[in-house]
């Protein structure tokens, strides 16, 4: 009997409501807020980015059918968190503060990214 093995997701460094910048692809350079993180698939859903069109039939929930535009997930390796001080996409580091709290910091300027 074969077992379906699930891929173990790598550590995802972005969180919901983070402002990110797309590094590559058709939306390169655009910024948006993360709506949802999909850790198993290693993807994120970004507000108003990577828009796709879906043909929707009318159902009980959706009375109006037709062509609907919505966001598609983007791979997490294609986005970087935007630092508020640097105002650009940056890599991040982790640091443990004196009170024991673990925070994300900008690797360029050292600004704390967690609020």
Protein backbone atom coordinates (compact mmCIF):
# COMPACT_ATOMS: atom_id res chain seq x y z
CA UNK A 1 0.00 0.00 0.00
CA UNK A 2 1.39 3.40 -1.01
CA UNK A 3 1.01 6.37 1.26
CA UNK A 4 0.66 9.87 -0.06
CA UNK A 5 3.35 11.95 1.60
CA UNK A 6 2.62 15.58 2.13
CA UNK A 7 5.42 18.02 1.52
CA UNK A 8 6.57 19.70 4.69
CA UNK A 9 6.34 23.45 4.10
CA UNK A 10 9.43 25.55 4.62
CA UNK A 11 9.32 28.38 7.11
CA UNK A 12 7.21 31.20 5.71
CA UNK A 13 8.44 34.59 6.88
CA UNK A 14 5.45 36.69 5.83
CA UNK A 15 2.20 37.09 7.73
CA UNK A 16 -1.33 38.26 7.04
CA UNK A 17 -1.65 42.08 6.66
CA UNK A 18 2.06 42.50 5.77
CA UNK A 19 2.74 44.88 2.88
CA UNK A 20 4.85 43.04 0.31
CA UNK A 21 6.47 43.79 -3.04
CA UNK A 22 6.49 41.33 -5.94
CA UNK A 23 10.06 40.50 -7.03
CA UNK A 24 9.39 38.71 -10.33
CA UNK A 25 6.62 37.82 -12.74
CA UNK A 26 3.93 39.82 -14.52
CA UNK A 27 3.27 42.00 -11.43
CA UNK A 28 6.97 42.76 -10.74
CA UNK A 29 7.44 45.89 -8.64
CA UNK A 30 3.82 46.13 -7.50
CA UNK A 31 2.90 46.26 -3.82
CA UNK A 32 -0.05 44.93 -1.91
CA UNK A 33 -1.31 43.67 1.43
CA UNK A 34 -1.38 39.94 2.16
CA UNK A 35 -4.94 38.69 2.50
CA UNK A 36 -4.19 35.04 3.22
CA UNK A 37 -1.19 32.73 3.71
CA UNK A 38 -1.33 29.15 2.38
CA UNK A 39 1.59 27.44 4.19
CA UNK A 40 1.11 23.92 2.76
CA UNK A 41 1.28 25.22 -0.82
CA UNK A 42 3.89 27.88 0.11
CA UNK A 43 1.78 30.62 -1.47
CA UNK A 44 0.23 33.92 -0.46
CA UNK A 45 -2.84 35.81 -1.66
CA UNK A 46 -2.10 39.49 -2.26
CA UNK A 47 -4.77 42.17 -2.51
CA UNK A 48 -5.45 43.28 -6.12
CA UNK A 49 -2.41 41.42 -7.54
CA UNK A 50 -2.14 38.41 -9.88
CA UNK A 51 -5.74 38.87 -11.00
CA UNK A 52 -7.38 36.02 -12.93
CA UNK A 53 -10.77 35.63 -14.57
CA UNK A 54 -13.12 32.79 -13.64
CA UNK A 55 -16.33 31.83 -15.40
CA UNK A 56 -19.00 31.49 -12.70
CA UNK A 57 -22.35 29.78 -13.13
CA UNK A 58 -25.29 31.23 -11.22
CA UNK A 59 -25.85 29.31 -7.95
CA UNK A 60 -27.88 29.74 -4.76
CA UNK A 61 -25.07 31.80 -3.15
CA UNK A 62 -24.01 33.69 -6.31
CA UNK A 63 -27.17 34.83 -8.08
CA UNK A 64 -25.32 36.66 -10.84
CA UNK A 65 -23.17 34.45 -13.06
CA UNK A 66 -20.59 35.61 -15.58
CA UNK A 67 -16.88 36.35 -15.65
CA UNK A 68 -15.52 37.14 -12.18
CA UNK A 69 -12.07 38.62 -11.52
CA UNK A 70 -10.26 37.55 -8.37
CA UNK A 71 -6.77 37.18 -6.91
CA UNK A 72 -4.70 34.05 -7.52
CA UNK A 73 -2.01 32.86 -5.08
CA UNK A 74 1.62 33.89 -5.63
CA UNK A 75 4.58 31.74 -4.53
CA UNK A 76 6.14 33.08 -1.33
CA UNK A 77 9.63 33.19 -2.91
CA UNK A 78 8.42 35.87 -5.33
CA UNK A 79 7.56 38.44 -2.65
CA UNK A 80 9.56 40.52 -0.18
CA UNK A 81 8.33 42.47 2.84
CA UNK A 82 8.39 46.25 2.40
CA UNK A 83 10.34 48.03 5.14
CA UNK A 84 8.66 51.25 6.29
CA UNK A 85 11.98 53.02 6.80
CA UNK A 86 13.79 51.86 3.63
CA UNK A 87 10.55 51.97 1.55
CA UNK A 88 11.60 48.96 -0.54
CA UNK A 89 11.39 45.17 -0.51
CA UNK A 90 13.96 43.73 1.90
CA UNK A 91 15.09 40.45 3.36
CA UNK A 92 14.36 39.95 7.03
CA UNK A 93 16.15 38.62 10.08
CA UNK A 94 14.84 37.46 13.43
CA UNK A 95 15.90 38.95 16.73
CA UNK A 96 14.93 38.21 20.30
CA UNK A 97 14.35 41.37 22.34
CA UNK A 98 15.32 41.75 26.00
CA UNK A 99 11.76 41.06 27.12
CA UNK A 100 11.93 37.67 25.33
CA UNK A 101 9.74 38.63 22.37
CA UNK A 102 10.88 37.37 18.95
CA UNK A 103 10.54 40.03 16.21
CA UNK A 104 11.33 40.37 12.51
CA UNK A 105 13.80 43.09 11.57
CA UNK A 106 14.94 44.61 8.27
CA UNK A 107 18.34 43.25 7.26
CA UNK A 108 19.33 46.60 5.68
CA UNK A 109 18.50 49.19 8.33
CA UNK A 110 17.57 47.16 11.43
CA UNK A 111 14.02 48.54 11.66
CA UNK A 112 11.57 46.34 13.60
CA UNK A 113 8.86 45.12 11.18
CA UNK A 114 6.47 43.60 13.75
CA UNK A 115 4.04 45.95 15.43
